N, C-alpha and C. Protein backbone atom coordinates (compact mmCIF):
# COMPACT_ATOMS: atom_id res chain seq x y z
N UNK A 1 48.11 78.27 -25.37
CA UNK A 1 46.77 78.97 -25.32
C UNK A 1 46.59 79.68 -26.62
N UNK A 2 45.67 79.77 -27.42
CA UNK A 2 45.59 80.48 -28.67
C UNK A 2 45.71 82.05 -28.39
N UNK A 3 46.26 82.62 -29.21
CA UNK A 3 46.50 84.27 -29.13
C UNK A 3 45.92 84.81 -30.37
N UNK A 4 45.44 86.07 -30.25
CA UNK A 4 44.95 86.73 -31.48
C UNK A 4 46.17 87.25 -32.28
N UNK A 5 45.98 86.96 -33.66
CA UNK A 5 46.75 87.74 -34.38
C UNK A 5 46.41 89.05 -35.03
N UNK A 6 47.62 89.92 -34.96
CA UNK A 6 47.16 91.41 -35.36
C UNK A 6 47.42 91.47 -36.98
N UNK A 7 46.63 91.63 -37.72
CA UNK A 7 46.40 91.78 -39.09
C UNK A 7 47.18 93.25 -39.34
N UNK A 8 48.04 93.27 -40.07
CA UNK A 8 48.53 94.82 -40.56
C UNK A 8 47.42 95.66 -41.29
N UNK A 9 47.50 96.86 -41.00
CA UNK A 9 46.44 97.73 -41.80
C UNK A 9 46.26 97.65 -43.14
N UNK A 10 47.46 97.24 -43.80
CA UNK A 10 47.66 97.43 -45.19
C UNK A 10 47.32 96.03 -45.88
N UNK A 11 46.99 94.86 -44.96
CA UNK A 11 47.00 93.66 -45.49
C UNK A 11 45.50 93.44 -46.14
N UNK A 12 45.42 92.73 -47.24
CA UNK A 12 44.09 92.47 -47.74
C UNK A 12 44.03 91.00 -48.10
N UNK A 13 43.28 90.05 -47.29
CA UNK A 13 43.24 88.81 -47.58
C UNK A 13 42.20 88.66 -48.60
N UNK A 14 42.69 87.98 -49.54
CA UNK A 14 41.77 87.60 -50.84
C UNK A 14 41.60 85.76 -51.10
N UNK A 15 40.41 85.34 -51.19
CA UNK A 15 40.31 84.02 -51.71
C UNK A 15 39.16 83.88 -52.76
N UNK A 16 39.10 83.10 -53.46
CA UNK A 16 38.09 82.99 -54.49
C UNK A 16 37.80 81.29 -54.29
N UNK A 17 36.54 80.95 -54.33
CA UNK A 17 36.11 79.75 -54.41
C UNK A 17 35.05 79.39 -55.37
N UNK A 18 34.98 77.94 -55.76
CA UNK A 18 33.81 77.68 -56.48
C UNK A 18 32.58 77.75 -55.88
N UNK A 19 31.24 77.03 -56.55
CA UNK A 19 30.05 77.73 -55.79
C UNK A 19 29.78 76.78 -54.62
N UNK A 20 30.53 75.72 -54.36
CA UNK A 20 30.44 74.74 -53.36
C UNK A 20 31.50 75.25 -52.02
N UNK A 21 32.21 76.44 -52.22
CA UNK A 21 33.02 76.83 -51.32
C UNK A 21 34.52 76.31 -51.11
N UNK A 22 34.56 75.71 -52.27
CA UNK A 22 35.98 74.86 -52.34
C UNK A 22 36.92 76.03 -52.86
N UNK A 23 38.14 76.49 -52.47
CA UNK A 23 38.99 77.31 -52.54
C UNK A 23 39.97 77.06 -53.75
N UNK A 24 39.96 78.30 -54.78
CA UNK A 24 40.60 78.00 -55.84
C UNK A 24 41.54 79.12 -56.28
N UNK A 25 41.81 79.93 -54.83
CA UNK A 25 42.71 81.05 -55.20
C UNK A 25 43.16 81.62 -53.77
N UNK A 26 44.07 81.80 -53.12
CA UNK A 26 44.41 82.38 -51.82
C UNK A 26 45.68 83.56 -52.05
N UNK A 27 45.53 84.53 -51.78
CA UNK A 27 46.45 85.61 -51.97
C UNK A 27 47.52 85.30 -50.81
N UNK A 28 48.63 86.28 -51.41
CA UNK A 28 49.98 86.04 -50.19
C UNK A 28 49.42 86.67 -48.74
N UNK A 29 48.60 87.71 -48.74
CA UNK A 29 48.38 87.99 -47.44
C UNK A 29 47.45 87.19 -46.66
N UNK A 30 46.75 86.24 -47.30
CA UNK A 30 45.89 85.20 -46.72
C UNK A 30 46.75 84.36 -46.42
N UNK A 31 47.47 83.79 -47.10
CA UNK A 31 48.57 82.76 -46.57
C UNK A 31 49.36 83.16 -45.59
N UNK A 32 49.97 84.39 -45.55
CA UNK A 32 50.80 84.80 -44.26
C UNK A 32 50.29 84.74 -43.23
N UNK A 33 48.82 85.23 -43.18
CA UNK A 33 48.06 85.27 -41.83
C UNK A 33 47.52 83.91 -41.32
N UNK A 34 46.90 83.36 -42.47
CA UNK A 34 46.46 82.06 -41.78
C UNK A 34 47.68 80.94 -41.46
N UNK A 35 48.81 81.21 -42.13
CA UNK A 35 49.77 80.24 -41.74
C UNK A 35 49.86 78.91 -42.40
N UNK A 36 48.91 78.94 -43.67
CA UNK A 36 49.14 77.83 -44.47
C UNK A 36 49.81 78.03 -45.76
N UNK A 37 50.36 76.97 -46.27
CA UNK A 37 51.03 77.27 -47.52
C UNK A 37 49.92 76.91 -48.89
N UNK A 38 50.21 77.43 -49.98
CA UNK A 38 49.22 77.49 -51.14
C UNK A 38 48.43 76.28 -51.30
N UNK A 39 49.52 75.17 -51.30
CA UNK A 39 48.86 73.85 -51.58
C UNK A 39 48.19 73.39 -50.56
N UNK A 40 48.06 73.79 -49.35
CA UNK A 40 47.29 73.20 -48.38
C UNK A 40 45.93 73.98 -48.19
N UNK A 41 45.82 74.90 -49.25
CA UNK A 41 44.56 75.61 -49.01
C UNK A 41 43.77 75.34 -50.19
N UNK A 42 44.61 75.23 -51.27
CA UNK A 42 43.79 75.08 -52.64
C UNK A 42 43.24 73.89 -52.82
N UNK A 43 41.90 73.52 -53.38
CA UNK A 43 41.12 72.58 -53.53
C UNK A 43 40.47 72.32 -52.31
N UNK A 44 40.81 72.90 -51.08
CA UNK A 44 40.24 72.52 -49.78
C UNK A 44 38.85 73.63 -49.67
N UNK A 45 38.03 73.04 -48.70
CA UNK A 45 36.88 73.89 -48.44
C UNK A 45 37.09 74.85 -47.44
N UNK A 46 36.50 76.21 -47.85
CA UNK A 46 36.89 77.39 -46.93
C UNK A 46 36.86 77.24 -45.77
N UNK A 47 35.86 76.37 -45.20
CA UNK A 47 35.71 76.34 -43.96
C UNK A 47 36.83 75.65 -42.95
N UNK A 48 37.59 75.56 -43.80
CA UNK A 48 39.22 74.81 -43.19
C UNK A 48 39.58 76.11 -42.13
N UNK A 49 39.51 77.40 -42.47
CA UNK A 49 39.94 78.33 -41.27
C UNK A 49 38.91 78.92 -40.35
N UNK A 50 37.65 78.10 -40.48
CA UNK A 50 36.30 78.52 -39.52
C UNK A 50 36.90 78.48 -38.18
N UNK A 51 36.60 79.42 -37.22
CA UNK A 51 36.61 79.27 -35.69
C UNK A 51 35.69 78.84 -35.17
N UNK A 52 35.74 77.75 -34.28
CA UNK A 52 34.72 77.26 -33.66
C UNK A 52 33.80 78.22 -32.57
N UNK A 53 34.13 79.36 -32.35
CA UNK A 53 33.44 80.32 -31.86
C UNK A 53 32.42 80.75 -32.85
N UNK A 54 32.61 80.59 -34.04
CA UNK A 54 31.68 81.17 -34.96
C UNK A 54 30.50 80.69 -35.11
N UNK A 55 29.08 81.19 -34.97
CA UNK A 55 28.18 80.41 -34.76
C UNK A 55 27.57 79.98 -36.25
N UNK A 56 27.12 78.56 -36.21
CA UNK A 56 26.60 78.31 -37.87
C UNK A 56 25.86 79.12 -38.46
N UNK A 57 25.04 79.96 -37.46
CA UNK A 57 23.67 80.74 -38.09
C UNK A 57 24.39 81.83 -38.84
N UNK A 58 25.41 82.34 -38.70
CA UNK A 58 26.06 83.29 -39.27
C UNK A 58 26.55 82.76 -40.63
N UNK A 59 26.77 81.76 -41.01
CA UNK A 59 27.44 81.12 -42.30
C UNK A 59 26.24 80.72 -42.95
N UNK A 60 25.02 80.20 -42.43
CA UNK A 60 23.80 79.99 -43.16
C UNK A 60 23.29 81.33 -43.90
N UNK A 61 23.26 82.28 -43.07
CA UNK A 61 22.81 83.51 -43.41
C UNK A 61 23.58 83.89 -44.81
N UNK A 62 24.96 83.95 -44.54
CA UNK A 62 26.06 84.30 -45.56
C UNK A 62 25.73 83.47 -47.04
N UNK A 63 25.51 82.19 -46.82
CA UNK A 63 25.42 81.53 -48.05
C UNK A 63 23.93 81.84 -48.67
N UNK A 64 22.87 81.93 -47.84
CA UNK A 64 21.43 82.23 -48.33
C UNK A 64 21.99 83.70 -49.16
N UNK A 65 22.64 84.52 -48.60
CA UNK A 65 22.64 85.97 -49.24
C UNK A 65 23.57 85.78 -50.55
N UNK A 66 24.56 84.95 -50.49
CA UNK A 66 25.51 85.12 -51.80
C UNK A 66 24.85 84.26 -52.84
N UNK A 67 24.21 83.27 -52.37
CA UNK A 67 23.64 82.18 -53.46
C UNK A 67 22.35 82.78 -54.12
N UNK A 68 21.63 83.90 -53.45
CA UNK A 68 20.79 84.70 -54.19
C UNK A 68 21.33 85.97 -54.96
N UNK A 69 22.81 85.78 -55.02
CA UNK A 69 23.49 86.96 -56.01
C UNK A 69 23.70 88.14 -55.32
N UNK A 70 23.70 88.35 -54.09
CA UNK A 70 23.80 89.45 -53.36
C UNK A 70 25.17 89.39 -52.58
N UNK A 71 25.57 90.51 -52.38
CA UNK A 71 26.93 90.61 -51.60
C UNK A 71 26.68 90.52 -50.10
N UNK A 72 27.72 90.00 -49.38
CA UNK A 72 27.54 89.75 -47.76
C UNK A 72 28.72 90.26 -47.17
N UNK A 73 28.64 90.89 -46.10
CA UNK A 73 29.61 91.68 -45.39
C UNK A 73 29.40 91.23 -43.62
N UNK A 74 30.67 91.07 -43.32
CA UNK A 74 30.47 90.81 -41.60
C UNK A 74 31.54 90.65 -41.18
N UNK A 75 31.68 90.58 -39.85
CA UNK A 75 32.95 90.43 -39.05
C UNK A 75 33.11 89.18 -38.66
N UNK A 76 34.21 88.37 -39.17
CA UNK A 76 34.41 86.94 -38.93
C UNK A 76 35.82 86.75 -38.16
N UNK A 77 35.58 85.65 -36.98
CA UNK A 77 36.58 85.09 -36.59
C UNK A 77 37.11 83.87 -36.99
N UNK A 78 38.62 83.91 -37.70
CA UNK A 78 39.05 82.81 -38.27
C UNK A 78 40.11 82.04 -37.55
N UNK A 79 40.28 80.89 -37.76
CA UNK A 79 41.56 80.19 -36.99
C UNK A 79 42.58 79.99 -37.96
N UNK A 80 43.67 80.14 -37.48
CA UNK A 80 44.87 79.93 -38.50
C UNK A 80 45.57 78.45 -38.06
N UNK A 81 46.35 78.05 -38.95
CA UNK A 81 47.06 76.52 -38.78
C UNK A 81 47.38 76.18 -37.36
N UNK A 82 48.05 77.12 -36.75
CA UNK A 82 48.36 76.53 -35.43
C UNK A 82 47.65 76.80 -34.40
N UNK A 83 46.33 77.15 -34.64
CA UNK A 83 45.50 77.20 -33.69
C UNK A 83 45.10 78.69 -33.18
N UNK A 84 45.97 79.49 -33.51
CA UNK A 84 45.89 81.04 -33.25
C UNK A 84 44.39 81.33 -33.99
N UNK A 85 44.05 82.62 -33.69
CA UNK A 85 42.86 83.37 -34.50
C UNK A 85 43.12 84.91 -34.82
N UNK A 86 42.36 85.27 -35.69
CA UNK A 86 42.47 86.68 -36.17
C UNK A 86 40.96 86.78 -36.84
N UNK A 87 40.74 88.17 -36.52
CA UNK A 87 39.31 88.89 -36.97
C UNK A 87 39.56 89.70 -38.44
N UNK A 88 38.44 89.45 -39.12
CA UNK A 88 38.48 90.02 -40.56
C UNK A 88 36.99 90.92 -40.69
N UNK A 89 37.23 91.81 -41.44
CA UNK A 89 35.94 92.44 -41.81
C UNK A 89 35.87 91.85 -43.22
N UNK A 90 35.04 91.09 -43.36
CA UNK A 90 35.05 90.38 -44.52
C UNK A 90 33.73 90.81 -45.61
N UNK A 91 33.97 90.80 -46.82
CA UNK A 91 33.07 91.20 -47.98
C UNK A 91 32.95 89.99 -48.94
N UNK A 92 31.92 89.33 -49.06
CA UNK A 92 31.91 87.91 -50.08
C UNK A 92 30.82 88.38 -51.23
N UNK A 93 31.57 88.20 -52.64
CA UNK A 93 30.82 88.71 -53.46
C UNK A 93 30.58 87.66 -54.73
N UNK A 94 29.40 87.43 -55.12
CA UNK A 94 29.26 86.47 -56.07
C UNK A 94 29.99 86.64 -57.35
N UNK A 95 30.47 85.72 -58.23
CA UNK A 95 31.38 85.83 -59.17
C UNK A 95 30.17 85.57 -60.25
N UNK A 96 29.95 86.36 -61.39
CA UNK A 96 28.96 85.95 -62.41
C UNK A 96 29.45 85.72 -63.97
N UNK A 97 29.02 84.65 -64.32
CA UNK A 97 29.23 84.88 -65.92
C UNK A 97 27.80 84.47 -66.85
N UNK A 98 27.78 85.22 -67.70
CA UNK A 98 26.38 84.97 -68.49
C UNK A 98 25.28 84.93 -67.56
N UNK A 99 25.40 85.69 -66.57
CA UNK A 99 24.24 85.97 -65.36
C UNK A 99 24.03 84.68 -64.63
N UNK A 100 24.97 83.72 -64.82
CA UNK A 100 25.01 82.70 -63.71
C UNK A 100 26.13 82.75 -62.81
N UNK A 101 26.16 82.41 -61.38
CA UNK A 101 26.95 82.44 -60.47
C UNK A 101 28.02 81.23 -60.81
N UNK A 102 29.33 81.48 -60.76
CA UNK A 102 30.45 80.61 -61.04
C UNK A 102 31.17 80.50 -59.79
N UNK A 103 31.22 81.28 -58.68
CA UNK A 103 31.90 81.09 -57.94
C UNK A 103 31.94 82.39 -56.97
N UNK A 104 32.67 82.40 -55.71
CA UNK A 104 32.55 83.60 -55.02
C UNK A 104 34.03 84.20 -54.55
N UNK A 105 34.22 85.67 -54.54
CA UNK A 105 35.34 86.08 -54.04
C UNK A 105 35.19 86.77 -52.72
N UNK A 106 36.05 86.36 -51.82
CA UNK A 106 36.11 87.12 -50.43
C UNK A 106 37.32 88.22 -50.28
N UNK A 107 36.90 89.24 -49.83
CA UNK A 107 38.05 90.05 -49.61
C UNK A 107 38.00 90.73 -48.10
N UNK A 108 38.96 90.29 -47.39
CA UNK A 108 39.02 90.65 -45.95
C UNK A 108 39.98 91.49 -45.67
N UNK A 109 39.71 92.25 -44.48
CA UNK A 109 40.82 93.17 -44.13
C UNK A 109 40.56 93.29 -42.68
N UNK A 110 41.59 94.13 -41.96
CA UNK A 110 41.54 94.22 -40.52
C UNK A 110 40.21 95.07 -40.15
N UNK A 111 39.60 94.48 -39.14
CA UNK A 111 38.27 95.33 -38.58
C UNK A 111 38.77 96.26 -37.60
N UNK A 112 37.81 97.09 -36.95
CA UNK A 112 38.24 98.02 -36.10
C UNK A 112 38.09 97.31 -34.45
N UNK A 113 38.55 97.54 -33.67
CA UNK A 113 38.31 97.01 -32.44
C UNK A 113 36.96 97.11 -31.79
N UNK A 114 36.44 98.20 -32.25
CA UNK A 114 34.94 98.27 -31.98
C UNK A 114 34.17 97.39 -32.60
N UNK A 115 34.35 97.05 -33.75
CA UNK A 115 33.53 96.06 -34.50
C UNK A 115 33.92 94.69 -33.93
N UNK A 116 34.94 94.38 -33.46
CA UNK A 116 35.26 93.19 -33.15
C UNK A 116 34.36 92.85 -31.78
N UNK A 117 34.48 93.72 -30.92
CA UNK A 117 33.78 93.93 -29.70
C UNK A 117 32.24 93.73 -29.74
N UNK A 118 31.78 94.39 -30.72
CA UNK A 118 30.32 93.85 -30.99
C UNK A 118 30.05 92.52 -31.43
N UNK A 119 30.78 92.20 -32.55
CA UNK A 119 30.72 91.00 -33.05
C UNK A 119 30.82 89.89 -31.74
N UNK A 120 32.03 89.99 -30.91
CA UNK A 120 32.03 88.97 -29.60
C UNK A 120 30.75 88.91 -29.14
N UNK A 121 30.17 90.00 -28.74
CA UNK A 121 28.94 90.19 -27.91
C UNK A 121 27.88 89.38 -28.50
N UNK A 122 27.69 89.61 -29.85
CA UNK A 122 26.59 89.24 -30.65
C UNK A 122 26.81 87.56 -30.97
N UNK A 123 27.90 87.06 -30.97
CA UNK A 123 28.05 85.66 -31.18
C UNK A 123 28.00 85.20 -30.08
N UNK A 124 28.41 85.59 -28.85
CA UNK A 124 28.31 85.14 -27.76
C UNK A 124 26.76 84.77 -27.23
N UNK A 125 25.89 85.82 -27.67
CA UNK A 125 24.51 85.87 -27.47
C UNK A 125 23.79 84.82 -28.12
N UNK A 126 24.42 84.53 -29.50
CA UNK A 126 23.89 83.31 -30.36
C UNK A 126 24.15 82.09 -29.76
N UNK A 127 25.37 81.89 -29.32
CA UNK A 127 25.98 80.66 -28.82
C UNK A 127 25.21 80.35 -27.50
N UNK A 128 24.88 81.24 -26.52
CA UNK A 128 24.08 81.00 -25.33
C UNK A 128 22.71 80.54 -25.62
N UNK A 129 22.41 81.10 -26.86
CA UNK A 129 20.79 80.71 -26.97
C UNK A 129 20.57 79.37 -27.41
N UNK A 130 21.65 78.83 -27.81
CA UNK A 130 21.62 77.30 -28.33
C UNK A 130 21.74 76.38 -27.37
N UNK A 131 22.07 76.93 -25.94
CA UNK A 131 22.38 76.10 -24.65
C UNK A 131 20.98 76.09 -23.97
N UNK A 132 19.91 76.61 -24.48
CA UNK A 132 18.69 76.32 -23.77
C UNK A 132 18.39 74.82 -23.56
N UNK A 133 17.38 74.83 -22.54
CA UNK A 133 16.94 73.14 -22.40
C UNK A 133 16.00 72.84 -23.48
N UNK A 134 15.90 71.45 -23.76
CA UNK A 134 15.05 71.14 -24.52
C UNK A 134 13.71 71.75 -25.07
N UNK A 135 12.92 71.98 -23.73
CA UNK A 135 11.55 72.58 -24.07
C UNK A 135 11.80 73.94 -24.41
N UNK A 136 12.76 74.88 -23.82
CA UNK A 136 12.83 76.23 -24.25
C UNK A 136 13.35 76.35 -25.85
N UNK A 137 14.07 75.33 -26.44
CA UNK A 137 14.43 75.31 -27.83
C UNK A 137 13.37 74.89 -28.41
N UNK A 138 12.48 73.83 -28.08
CA UNK A 138 11.34 73.58 -28.70
C UNK A 138 10.19 74.47 -28.82
N UNK A 139 10.10 75.26 -27.95
CA UNK A 139 8.97 76.26 -28.08
C UNK A 139 9.48 77.61 -28.37
N UNK A 140 10.87 77.70 -28.75
CA UNK A 140 11.30 78.92 -29.41
C UNK A 140 10.89 79.10 -30.89
N UNK A 141 10.53 77.93 -31.46
CA UNK A 141 10.02 77.86 -32.85
C UNK A 141 8.52 78.38 -32.86
N UNK A 142 8.12 79.40 -33.78
CA UNK A 142 6.77 80.03 -33.80
C UNK A 142 5.98 79.26 -34.04
N UNK A 143 6.01 77.93 -34.93
CA UNK A 143 4.78 77.03 -34.96
C UNK A 143 4.68 76.30 -33.74
N UNK A 144 5.60 76.04 -32.89
CA UNK A 144 5.56 75.33 -31.68
C UNK A 144 5.02 76.23 -30.64
N UNK A 145 5.31 77.62 -30.70
CA UNK A 145 4.65 78.55 -29.80
C UNK A 145 3.06 78.49 -30.03
N UNK A 146 2.64 78.42 -31.24
CA UNK A 146 1.23 78.18 -31.53
C UNK A 146 0.85 77.01 -31.00
N UNK A 147 1.44 75.78 -31.14
CA UNK A 147 1.01 74.67 -30.45
C UNK A 147 1.09 74.82 -29.05
N UNK A 148 1.77 75.58 -28.43
CA UNK A 148 1.74 75.48 -26.98
C UNK A 148 0.35 76.59 -26.41
N UNK A 149 0.17 77.51 -27.36
CA UNK A 149 -1.10 78.28 -27.16
C UNK A 149 -2.34 77.35 -27.37
N UNK A 150 -2.16 76.56 -28.23
CA UNK A 150 -3.40 75.68 -28.57
C UNK A 150 -3.65 74.92 -27.42
N UNK A 151 -2.68 74.24 -26.82
CA UNK A 151 -2.56 73.23 -26.05
C UNK A 151 -3.38 74.07 -24.56
N UNK A 152 -2.85 75.32 -24.49
CA UNK A 152 -3.51 75.98 -23.23
C UNK A 152 -5.11 76.30 -23.54
N UNK A 153 -5.33 76.76 -24.54
CA UNK A 153 -6.55 77.05 -25.10
C UNK A 153 -7.58 75.75 -25.05
N UNK A 154 -7.03 74.45 -25.27
CA UNK A 154 -7.67 73.33 -25.11
C UNK A 154 -8.13 73.40 -23.55
N UNK A 155 -7.06 73.81 -22.49
CA UNK A 155 -7.69 73.64 -21.26
C UNK A 155 -8.93 74.59 -21.23
N UNK A 156 -8.90 75.63 -21.82
CA UNK A 156 -10.19 76.43 -21.63
C UNK A 156 -11.33 75.58 -22.16
N UNK A 157 -11.25 75.40 -23.15
CA UNK A 157 -12.62 74.79 -23.97
C UNK A 157 -12.88 73.31 -23.35
N UNK A 158 -11.92 72.80 -22.50
CA UNK A 158 -12.21 71.37 -22.14
C UNK A 158 -13.24 71.43 -20.90
N UNK A 159 -13.35 72.84 -20.44
CA UNK A 159 -14.15 72.93 -19.27
C UNK A 159 -15.59 73.71 -19.82
N UNK A 160 -15.72 73.78 -21.16
CA UNK A 160 -16.86 74.49 -21.67
C UNK A 160 -18.04 74.12 -21.31
N UNK A 161 -18.33 72.61 -21.18
CA UNK A 161 -19.75 72.08 -20.67
C UNK A 161 -19.74 72.47 -19.31
N UNK A 162 -18.89 72.55 -18.59
CA UNK A 162 -19.11 72.80 -17.22
C UNK A 162 -19.52 74.58 -17.02
N UNK A 163 -18.82 75.26 -17.88
CA UNK A 163 -19.12 76.69 -17.92
C UNK A 163 -20.58 76.87 -18.43
N UNK A 164 -20.84 76.09 -19.47
CA UNK A 164 -22.36 76.40 -20.00
C UNK A 164 -23.51 75.90 -18.96
N UNK A 165 -23.01 74.94 -18.10
CA UNK A 165 -23.98 74.44 -17.13
C UNK A 165 -24.14 75.55 -16.05
N UNK A 166 -23.10 76.38 -15.41
CA UNK A 166 -23.14 77.08 -14.64
C UNK A 166 -23.77 78.32 -15.26
N UNK A 167 -23.24 78.91 -16.43
CA UNK A 167 -23.91 79.93 -17.15
C UNK A 167 -25.57 79.78 -17.15
N UNK A 168 -25.99 78.76 -17.62
CA UNK A 168 -27.53 78.52 -17.81
C UNK A 168 -28.14 78.42 -16.28
N UNK A 169 -27.40 77.92 -15.39
CA UNK A 169 -28.29 78.05 -14.02
C UNK A 169 -28.32 79.55 -13.66
N UNK A 170 -27.22 80.30 -13.76
CA UNK A 170 -27.36 81.84 -13.32
C UNK A 170 -28.48 82.21 -14.10
N UNK A 171 -28.48 82.05 -15.50
CA UNK A 171 -29.42 82.86 -16.51
C UNK A 171 -30.91 82.62 -16.11
N UNK A 172 -30.99 81.18 -15.64
CA UNK A 172 -32.43 80.87 -15.03
C UNK A 172 -32.88 81.47 -13.80
N UNK A 173 -31.80 81.26 -12.90
CA UNK A 173 -32.12 81.69 -11.43
C UNK A 173 -31.84 83.03 -11.03
N UNK A 174 -30.99 83.76 -11.70
CA UNK A 174 -30.38 85.08 -11.00
C UNK A 174 -30.82 86.05 -12.01
N UNK A 175 -31.20 85.83 -13.31
CA UNK A 175 -31.42 86.83 -14.05
C UNK A 175 -30.17 87.58 -14.97
N UNK A 176 -29.01 86.76 -14.64
CA UNK A 176 -27.76 87.42 -15.08
C UNK A 176 -27.76 87.09 -16.84
N UNK A 177 -27.03 88.04 -17.44
CA UNK A 177 -26.92 87.96 -18.70
C UNK A 177 -26.04 86.67 -18.94
N UNK A 178 -26.47 85.56 -19.61
CA UNK A 178 -25.90 84.50 -20.22
C UNK A 178 -24.52 85.01 -20.83
N UNK A 179 -24.74 85.75 -22.02
CA UNK A 179 -23.57 86.30 -22.82
C UNK A 179 -22.50 86.89 -21.75
N UNK A 180 -23.01 87.90 -20.97
CA UNK A 180 -21.90 88.54 -20.01
C UNK A 180 -21.47 87.77 -19.31
N UNK A 181 -21.91 86.58 -18.68
CA UNK A 181 -21.28 85.72 -17.86
C UNK A 181 -20.37 84.97 -18.57
N UNK A 182 -20.64 84.39 -19.95
CA UNK A 182 -19.75 83.71 -20.66
C UNK A 182 -18.35 84.52 -20.90
N UNK A 183 -18.70 85.83 -21.36
CA UNK A 183 -17.45 86.65 -21.72
C UNK A 183 -16.51 86.83 -20.50
N UNK A 184 -17.46 87.41 -19.37
CA UNK A 184 -16.34 87.34 -18.21
C UNK A 184 -15.63 86.10 -17.80
N UNK A 185 -16.22 85.16 -17.70
CA UNK A 185 -15.47 83.75 -17.67
C UNK A 185 -14.29 83.57 -18.66
N UNK A 186 -14.40 83.91 -19.90
CA UNK A 186 -13.55 83.76 -21.01
C UNK A 186 -12.58 84.87 -20.55
N UNK A 187 -12.82 86.13 -20.15
CA UNK A 187 -11.78 87.11 -19.89
C UNK A 187 -11.10 86.74 -18.85
N UNK A 188 -11.35 86.05 -17.79
CA UNK A 188 -10.62 85.61 -16.64
C UNK A 188 -9.72 84.46 -17.04
N UNK A 189 -10.09 83.64 -17.79
CA UNK A 189 -9.23 82.37 -18.31
C UNK A 189 -8.13 83.07 -19.20
N UNK A 190 -8.30 83.95 -19.96
CA UNK A 190 -7.58 84.45 -20.87
C UNK A 190 -6.63 85.30 -20.31
N UNK A 191 -6.97 85.92 -18.92
CA UNK A 191 -6.07 86.78 -18.25
C UNK A 191 -4.95 85.90 -17.84
N UNK A 192 -5.45 84.58 -17.28
CA UNK A 192 -4.43 83.73 -16.95
C UNK A 192 -3.42 83.30 -17.93
N UNK A 193 -3.84 82.94 -18.98
CA UNK A 193 -2.97 82.62 -20.20
C UNK A 193 -2.10 83.74 -20.60
N UNK A 194 -2.60 84.83 -20.78
CA UNK A 194 -1.66 86.43 -20.76
C UNK A 194 -0.77 86.20 -19.65
N UNK A 195 -1.03 85.83 -18.35
CA UNK A 195 0.02 86.11 -17.48
C UNK A 195 1.06 84.96 -17.64
N UNK A 196 0.72 83.94 -18.18
CA UNK A 196 1.70 82.66 -18.06
C UNK A 196 2.44 82.86 -19.18
N UNK A 197 2.04 83.22 -20.40
CA UNK A 197 2.87 83.61 -21.36
C UNK A 197 3.68 84.90 -21.80
N UNK A 198 3.25 86.02 -20.69
CA UNK A 198 3.92 87.14 -20.80
C UNK A 198 3.99 87.64 -22.23
N UNK A 199 2.88 87.53 -22.83
CA UNK A 199 3.00 87.86 -24.49
C UNK A 199 2.50 88.99 -24.73
N UNK A 200 3.25 90.05 -25.46
CA UNK A 200 2.48 91.29 -25.65
C UNK A 200 1.14 91.43 -26.62
N UNK A 201 1.09 90.32 -27.41
CA UNK A 201 -0.09 90.39 -28.26
C UNK A 201 -1.14 89.90 -27.19
N UNK A 202 -0.92 88.96 -26.37
CA UNK A 202 -2.13 88.49 -25.34
C UNK A 202 -2.46 89.56 -24.59
N UNK A 203 -1.33 90.49 -24.09
CA UNK A 203 -1.89 91.48 -23.41
C UNK A 203 -2.66 92.50 -24.11
N UNK A 204 -2.49 92.74 -25.33
CA UNK A 204 -3.11 93.76 -25.97
C UNK A 204 -4.65 93.38 -26.29
N UNK A 205 -4.91 91.68 -26.54
CA UNK A 205 -6.18 91.13 -26.73
C UNK A 205 -6.72 91.58 -25.38
N UNK A 206 -6.05 91.05 -24.26
CA UNK A 206 -6.88 91.26 -23.08
C UNK A 206 -7.15 92.40 -22.89
N UNK A 207 -6.52 93.64 -23.14
CA UNK A 207 -7.14 94.90 -23.15
C UNK A 207 -8.21 95.14 -23.86
N UNK A 208 -8.16 94.93 -25.12
CA UNK A 208 -9.41 94.69 -26.13
C UNK A 208 -10.76 94.17 -25.45
N UNK A 209 -10.48 93.13 -24.69
CA UNK A 209 -11.63 92.35 -24.11
C UNK A 209 -12.09 93.48 -22.93
N UNK A 210 -11.35 93.89 -22.21
CA UNK A 210 -11.90 94.58 -21.07
C UNK A 210 -12.45 95.75 -21.60
N UNK A 211 -12.03 96.31 -22.88
CA UNK A 211 -12.55 97.63 -23.23
C UNK A 211 -13.96 97.25 -23.93
N UNK A 212 -13.91 95.91 -24.48
CA UNK A 212 -15.32 95.71 -25.01
C UNK A 212 -16.33 95.49 -23.71
N UNK A 213 -15.84 94.83 -22.91
CA UNK A 213 -16.96 94.51 -21.89
C UNK A 213 -17.43 95.79 -21.12
N UNK A 214 -16.42 96.59 -20.91
CA UNK A 214 -16.77 97.98 -20.30
C UNK A 214 -17.71 98.66 -21.21
N UNK A 215 -17.49 98.76 -22.69
CA UNK A 215 -18.39 99.72 -23.68
C UNK A 215 -19.81 98.98 -23.88
N UNK A 216 -19.72 97.77 -23.71
CA UNK A 216 -21.08 97.03 -24.03
C UNK A 216 -21.87 96.31 -23.18
N UNK A 217 -21.21 96.00 -22.21
CA UNK A 217 -21.83 95.30 -21.17
C UNK A 217 -22.14 96.14 -19.70
N UNK A 218 -21.62 97.21 -19.90
CA UNK A 218 -21.68 97.75 -18.50
C UNK A 218 -23.24 98.14 -17.95
């Protein structure tokens, strides 16, 4: 069973990589904590020490940050050669020559237990969010949320001919305002959508329509 490696307070784990993330230098502390020999790390991708508990989104954000020339910091869980793990407070900085990024340097030290606990909770949440069923993942995407809304609105407009017929009937026979009836029916249908989606924007628009009807059609 994997156990946590306790990093000494004075240890500083340093590594350098090229622009592709291939290790070009590993400090003695890095070698000691990770359990690798120097020749086992050099010319190897830095993700050789990546722990499977780390969400891929974290590293996507890291690469996006450092490729743009900015410094990235974060709490990272790494895996040692023997399968144990250790937490680091990492700072990754781009190395520039003639204003061009030529590589990256990562400086890592022991994080506080409080930071580790927060990171564990955050990463668990991210991992669990990736275990949703197909439709939950599908509709988490903003563009497809719009598609879901569009499909629902299609259901509203699919009965537009029927609503027009009813509205025109009341307009001719009962003296009801055609516009008022149409807006009332639309309000009812929109309330159903807002209730289904539980969407803040939907509820705000619903409130807008309620106020509009109260002020203009009373």
